[in-house]
């Protein structure tokens, strides 16, 4: 890293430390608030990846200096529905969002397991509970209730697109809270469960080794787009050897044909997980959010 690059990195680090509050964990099923240090609702492996979630939760990252209502995003880290890349895709992204005036909530969602059972609906239930809690507490957290989006990476991108196309409640919602996200941000996402397009590992973990065609179609987000699907920002790399870029392209085409506002940025190189290489990948994202009115008051 050259001298100017080192200075820029230190300034970014300083801004993150200054503008991001110490956070709490909110358990989705109980509403209990935990200190980060006392959160024992999950298990990690030797690589720091979450392998099991006993109680789904969201971790809050709120901007400290915000005189007006801010937008919010629920972040769904990836991991093929077998682990959760919580620190790398979740926490680091949330800090950058908060440093740019966006309230961020990192979701620990239940992993469905490898067999075709009722666990296939658990991640969707968890992200629906997350947006319900954020919207119902918007005034408490100084959030604009009409600017709450969802963001996902890889299999977390599948979960985010599932919420964007399956926002009608499958959870208990007596308050009739709106569970539709106002926007969706998808980063090298798994979109489809179809044989020709899907990431097999994600599909096997979510739907089991022998899924029904009904389940395959129901969890293929490109087949569920309609005119009320929320605006989207999509980014992917052409050379992704894990999740084919056609997932993003097919989804983009369905959104476009249904006249849903959508913007897509495709890198020539970067492979899967390019956010760890392209440090400026969020610049066009923030520009899209501003141009789309999500960063304006």
Protein backbone atom coordinates (compact mmCIF):
# COMPACT_ATOMS: atom_id res chain seq x y z
CA UNK A 1 0.00 0.00 0.00
CA UNK A 2 1.47 3.39 -0.97
CA UNK A 3 1.58 6.43 1.33
CA UNK A 4 -1.62 8.04 0.02
CA UNK A 5 -3.45 4.74 0.15
CA UNK A 6 -2.37 4.20 3.77
CA UNK A 7 -3.59 7.65 4.73
CA UNK A 8 -6.96 7.03 3.04
CA UNK A 9 -7.31 3.72 4.88
CA UNK A 10 -6.53 5.33 8.25
CA UNK A 11 -9.04 8.10 7.60
CA UNK A 12 -11.71 5.54 6.72
CA UNK A 13 -10.91 3.54 9.85
CA UNK A 14 -11.09 6.67 11.98
CA UNK A 15 -14.45 7.62 10.49
CA UNK A 16 -15.85 4.20 11.28
CA UNK A 17 -14.67 4.40 14.87
CA UNK A 18 -16.14 7.88 15.34
CA UNK A 19 -19.51 7.51 13.66
CA UNK A 20 -20.64 4.00 14.68
CA UNK A 21 -22.18 3.43 18.09
CA UNK A 22 -21.48 0.49 20.36
CA UNK A 23 -24.23 -1.94 19.49
CA UNK A 24 -26.74 -4.33 21.01
CA UNK A 25 -28.24 -7.61 19.85
CA UNK A 26 -32.04 -8.00 19.67
CA UNK A 27 -33.42 -11.52 19.72
CA UNK A 28 -36.21 -11.72 17.16
CA UNK A 29 -38.38 -14.27 18.94
CA UNK A 30 -38.33 -12.69 22.41
CA UNK A 31 -37.42 -9.04 21.81
CA UNK A 32 -34.70 -9.43 24.44
CA UNK A 33 -31.77 -7.02 24.11
CA UNK A 34 -28.31 -8.50 24.67
CA UNK A 35 -24.90 -6.93 24.95
CA UNK A 36 -22.69 -8.06 22.09
CA UNK A 37 -20.26 -9.65 24.55
CA UNK A 38 -23.03 -11.75 26.13
CA UNK A 39 -24.59 -13.13 22.96
CA UNK A 40 -24.51 -16.93 23.29
CA UNK A 41 -27.28 -17.67 20.78
CA UNK A 42 -24.98 -19.08 18.08
CA UNK A 43 -21.96 -21.32 17.45
CA UNK A 44 -18.82 -20.64 15.41
CA UNK A 45 -16.27 -22.90 13.73
CA UNK A 46 -12.49 -22.50 13.81
CA UNK A 47 -12.67 -20.04 10.91
CA UNK A 48 -15.03 -17.69 12.76
CA UNK A 49 -18.04 -18.60 10.59
CA UNK A 50 -21.39 -19.09 12.29
CA UNK A 51 -22.48 -22.73 12.01
CA UNK A 52 -25.64 -22.77 14.12
CA UNK A 53 -28.13 -20.17 15.34
CA UNK A 54 -30.29 -21.20 18.27
CA UNK A 55 -32.21 -17.90 18.39
CA UNK A 56 -32.30 -15.52 15.40
CA UNK A 57 -31.33 -11.92 16.06
CA UNK A 58 -30.29 -8.59 14.60
CA UNK A 59 -27.24 -6.58 15.60
CA UNK A 60 -27.69 -2.79 15.39
CA UNK A 61 -25.28 -0.29 13.90
CA UNK A 62 -26.72 3.23 14.11
CA UNK A 63 -25.18 6.46 12.84
CA UNK A 64 -24.21 8.68 15.76
CA UNK A 65 -24.53 12.01 14.00
CA UNK A 66 -27.90 12.21 12.33
CA UNK A 67 -30.22 15.20 12.70
CA UNK A 68 -32.99 13.73 10.55
CA UNK A 69 -34.58 10.38 9.92
CA UNK A 70 -32.14 8.00 8.26
CA UNK A 71 -32.66 5.04 5.92
CA UNK A 72 -32.05 1.52 7.20
CA UNK A 73 -30.95 -1.78 5.75
CA UNK A 74 -31.18 -5.35 7.04
CA UNK A 75 -28.03 -7.23 6.04
CA UNK A 76 -28.15 -10.95 5.25
CA UNK A 77 -24.60 -12.39 5.07
CA UNK A 78 -24.01 -15.39 2.84
CA UNK A 79 -22.52 -18.83 3.39
CA UNK A 80 -24.44 -21.24 1.18
CA UNK A 81 -27.15 -21.73 3.84
CA UNK A 82 -24.60 -23.95 5.66
CA UNK A 83 -22.66 -21.23 7.51
CA UNK A 84 -23.00 -17.44 7.92
CA UNK A 85 -20.11 -15.16 6.92
CA UNK A 86 -21.14 -12.83 9.73
CA UNK A 87 -18.02 -10.74 10.27
CA UNK A 88 -16.75 -10.42 6.69
CA UNK A 89 -20.02 -9.71 4.89
CA UNK A 90 -22.19 -8.63 7.81
CA UNK A 91 -20.36 -6.57 10.42
CA UNK A 92 -17.87 -4.91 8.07
CA UNK A 93 -20.66 -3.87 5.70
CA UNK A 94 -22.84 -2.62 8.55
CA UNK A 95 -20.05 -0.37 9.81
CA UNK A 96 -19.63 1.16 6.38
CA UNK A 97 -23.37 1.68 6.04
CA UNK A 98 -23.57 3.40 9.43
CA UNK A 99 -20.55 5.56 8.61
CA UNK A 100 -22.53 6.81 5.60
CA UNK A 101 -25.68 7.67 7.52
CA UNK A 102 -27.56 4.38 7.07
CA UNK A 103 -28.81 2.38 10.04
CA UNK A 104 -27.72 -1.22 9.58
CA UNK A 105 -29.00 -4.42 11.18
CA UNK A 106 -27.01 -7.62 10.67
CA UNK A 107 -29.23 -10.70 10.67
CA UNK A 108 -28.28 -13.97 12.31
CA UNK A 109 -30.79 -16.27 10.65
CA UNK A 110 -31.47 -19.92 11.36
CA UNK A 111 -29.75 -22.28 8.93
CA UNK A 112 -32.21 -24.69 7.35
CA UNK A 113 -30.12 -27.89 7.30
CA UNK A 114 -29.61 -30.36 4.47
CA UNK A 115 -32.90 -32.28 4.56
CA UNK A 116 -36.17 -31.24 2.94
CA UNK A 117 -38.19 -30.28 6.01
CA UNK A 118 -39.93 -27.25 7.44
CA UNK A 119 -36.55 -25.64 8.03
CA UNK A 120 -36.65 -24.32 4.47
CA UNK A 121 -38.94 -21.48 5.63
CA UNK A 122 -36.91 -20.51 8.70
CA UNK A 123 -34.57 -17.99 7.02
CA UNK A 124 -37.54 -16.21 5.40
CA UNK A 125 -39.43 -16.15 8.70
CA UNK A 126 -36.38 -14.65 10.39
CA UNK A 127 -35.87 -11.87 7.85
CA UNK A 128 -39.60 -11.08 7.95
CA UNK A 129 -39.37 -10.77 11.75
CA UNK A 130 -36.32 -8.54 11.33
CA UNK A 131 -38.04 -6.03 9.04
CA UNK A 132 -41.12 -6.11 11.25
CA UNK A 133 -39.07 -5.15 14.33
CA UNK A 134 -37.11 -2.45 12.51
CA UNK A 135 -40.23 -0.85 11.03
CA UNK A 136 -42.13 -0.98 14.32
CA UNK A 137 -39.21 0.67 16.15
CA UNK A 138 -38.37 3.18 13.43
CA UNK A 139 -39.21 6.26 15.49
CA UNK A 140 -37.24 4.94 18.47
CA UNK A 141 -34.13 4.47 16.33
CA UNK A 142 -34.58 7.65 14.26
CA UNK A 143 -35.27 5.68 11.07
CA UNK A 144 -37.49 6.68 8.16
CA UNK A 145 -40.11 3.87 8.10
CA UNK A 146 -40.54 4.33 4.34
CA UNK A 147 -36.85 3.76 3.58
CA UNK A 148 -36.09 0.34 5.03
CA UNK A 149 -34.37 -2.07 2.66
CA UNK A 150 -32.77 -5.49 2.62
CA UNK A 151 -29.26 -6.40 1.50
CA UNK A 152 -27.75 -9.81 0.90
CA UNK A 153 -24.58 -11.53 -0.22
CA UNK A 154 -24.47 -14.85 -2.11
CA UNK A 155 -26.99 -17.17 -0.39
CA UNK A 156 -27.86 -14.17 1.76
CA UNK A 157 -28.67 -12.45 -1.53
CA UNK A 158 -31.11 -15.27 -2.20
CA UNK A 159 -32.67 -14.64 1.20
CA UNK A 160 -32.87 -10.90 0.50
CA UNK A 161 -34.48 -11.46 -2.91
CA UNK A 162 -36.86 -13.97 -1.31
CA UNK A 163 -38.06 -11.30 1.11
CA UNK A 164 -38.39 -8.85 -1.78
CA UNK A 165 -40.65 -11.30 -3.64
CA UNK A 166 -42.27 -13.07 -0.64
CA UNK A 167 -43.07 -10.20 1.70
CA UNK A 168 -46.62 -11.34 2.40
CA UNK A 169 -46.46 -12.58 6.00
CA UNK A 170 -45.67 -16.17 6.84
CA UNK A 171 -45.09 -15.07 10.45
CA UNK A 172 -47.53 -13.97 13.10
CA UNK A 173 -48.26 -10.32 12.30
CA UNK A 174 -51.36 -9.15 14.20
CA UNK A 175 -50.24 -5.53 13.86
CA UNK A 176 -50.40 -5.91 10.07
CA UNK A 177 -46.95 -4.34 9.81
CA UNK A 178 -45.72 -3.82 6.24
CA UNK A 179 -43.04 -6.47 5.62
CA UNK A 180 -42.22 -5.34 2.09
CA UNK A 181 -38.72 -3.84 1.89
CA UNK A 182 -38.54 -0.44 0.21
CA UNK A 183 -35.44 -1.48 -1.75
CA UNK A 184 -33.18 -4.48 -2.23
CA UNK A 185 -29.39 -4.63 -2.60
CA UNK A 186 -28.04 -7.92 -3.96
CA UNK A 187 -24.31 -8.71 -4.05
CA UNK A 188 -23.20 -11.76 -6.11
CA UNK A 189 -26.58 -13.29 -5.21
CA UNK A 190 -27.96 -16.75 -5.61
CA UNK A 191 -31.33 -16.03 -7.21
CA UNK A 192 -32.62 -19.22 -8.78
CA UNK A 193 -33.20 -22.77 -7.57
CA UNK A 194 -33.60 -24.07 -11.14
CA UNK A 195 -31.22 -26.85 -12.22
CA UNK A 196 -29.61 -24.82 -14.99
CA UNK A 197 -28.81 -21.80 -12.85
CA UNK A 198 -28.69 -22.48 -9.14
CA UNK A 199 -25.76 -22.86 -6.77
CA UNK A 200 -26.23 -26.56 -5.90
CA UNK A 201 -24.86 -26.29 -2.38
CA UNK A 202 -27.28 -23.51 -1.44
CA UNK A 203 -30.22 -25.36 -2.92
CA UNK A 204 -29.35 -28.64 -1.19
CA UNK A 205 -29.01 -26.90 2.16
CA UNK A 206 -32.27 -24.98 1.74
CA UNK A 207 -34.50 -27.51 0.00
CA UNK A 208 -32.79 -30.87 0.52
CA UNK A 209 -31.28 -33.33 -1.94
CA UNK A 210 -34.56 -34.10 -3.74
CA UNK A 211 -36.68 -30.94 -3.75
CA UNK A 212 -40.11 -30.87 -5.34
CA UNK A 213 -40.62 -28.79 -8.44
CA UNK A 214 -43.07 -26.71 -6.44
CA UNK A 215 -40.37 -25.79 -3.94
CA UNK A 216 -37.83 -25.17 -6.70
CA UNK A 217 -40.21 -22.73 -8.40
CA UNK A 218 -41.35 -21.09 -5.17
CA UNK A 219 -37.78 -20.29 -4.11
CA UNK A 220 -36.65 -19.12 -7.56
CA UNK A 221 -36.89 -15.36 -7.10
CA UNK A 222 -36.75 -14.61 -10.82
CA UNK A 223 -40.12 -16.38 -11.19
CA UNK A 224 -41.75 -14.35 -8.41
CA UNK A 225 -41.11 -10.82 -9.63
CA UNK A 226 -44.17 -8.63 -10.17
CA UNK A 227 -44.89 -4.95 -10.58
CA UNK A 228 -44.81 -4.40 -6.82
CA UNK A 229 -41.34 -5.87 -6.30
CA UNK A 230 -39.12 -3.21 -4.67
CA UNK A 231 -36.39 -1.29 -6.47
CA UNK A 232 -33.12 -3.14 -6.81
CA UNK A 233 -29.38 -2.61 -6.97
CA UNK A 234 -27.47 -5.68 -8.16
CA UNK A 235 -23.72 -6.27 -8.44
CA UNK A 236 -21.78 -9.34 -9.52
CA UNK A 237 -18.54 -10.39 -11.24
CA UNK A 238 -18.43 -11.94 -14.71
CA UNK A 239 -15.81 -14.49 -13.66
CA UNK A 240 -17.72 -15.76 -10.60
CA UNK A 241 -17.12 -19.52 -10.56
CA UNK A 242 -19.31 -20.17 -7.50
CA UNK A 243 -22.57 -18.38 -8.35
CA UNK A 244 -23.09 -17.85 -12.07
CA UNK A 245 -23.56 -14.19 -12.99
CA UNK A 246 -26.65 -15.26 -14.97
CA UNK A 247 -28.45 -15.34 -11.61
CA UNK A 248 -28.15 -11.55 -11.49
CA UNK A 249 -28.75 -11.08 -15.21
CA UNK A 250 -31.95 -13.16 -15.25
CA UNK A 251 -33.26 -11.33 -12.18
CA UNK A 252 -32.39 -7.96 -13.72
CA UNK A 253 -34.30 -8.88 -16.86
CA UNK A 254 -37.40 -9.91 -14.93
CA UNK A 255 -37.33 -6.69 -12.90
CA UNK A 256 -36.85 -4.61 -16.05
CA UNK A 257 -39.70 -6.33 -17.90
CA UNK A 258 -41.98 -5.71 -14.91
CA UNK A 259 -40.94 -2.03 -14.93
CA UNK A 260 -39.32 -2.26 -11.51
CA UNK A 261 -36.52 0.34 -11.13
CA UNK A 262 -33.23 -1.57 -11.22
CA UNK A 263 -29.53 -0.83 -11.64
CA UNK A 264 -26.82 -3.44 -12.14
CA UNK A 265 -23.03 -3.21 -11.93
CA UNK A 266 -20.99 -6.15 -13.22
CA UNK A 267 -17.24 -6.34 -12.68
CA UNK A 268 -15.11 -8.00 -15.33
CA UNK A 269 -13.00 -9.70 -12.66
CA UNK A 270 -13.38 -10.35 -8.97
CA UNK A 271 -14.84 -13.85 -8.74
CA UNK A 272 -17.06 -14.69 -5.79
CA UNK A 273 -16.64 -12.54 -2.70
CA UNK A 274 -15.16 -9.64 -4.65
CA UNK A 275 -16.06 -7.18 -1.88
CA UNK A 276 -12.87 -8.29 -0.14
CA UNK A 277 -10.84 -7.21 -3.19
CA UNK A 278 -12.73 -4.23 -4.66
CA UNK A 279 -12.62 -1.84 -1.70
CA UNK A 280 -14.57 0.82 -3.62
CA UNK A 281 -17.48 -1.42 -4.60
CA UNK A 282 -19.88 0.58 -2.40
CA UNK A 283 -19.27 3.89 -4.22
CA UNK A 284 -21.78 3.21 -7.03
CA UNK A 285 -24.18 1.72 -4.48
CA UNK A 286 -24.29 4.92 -2.43
CA UNK A 287 -24.68 6.92 -5.64
CA UNK A 288 -27.66 4.72 -6.62
CA UNK A 289 -29.21 5.17 -3.17
CA UNK A 290 -28.84 8.93 -3.41
CA UNK A 291 -30.17 9.11 -6.98
CA UNK A 292 -33.10 6.88 -6.00
CA UNK A 293 -34.02 9.11 -3.08
CA UNK A 294 -33.11 6.68 -0.31
CA UNK A 295 -30.33 8.86 1.10
CA UNK A 296 -32.22 12.13 0.86
CA UNK A 297 -34.42 13.48 3.67
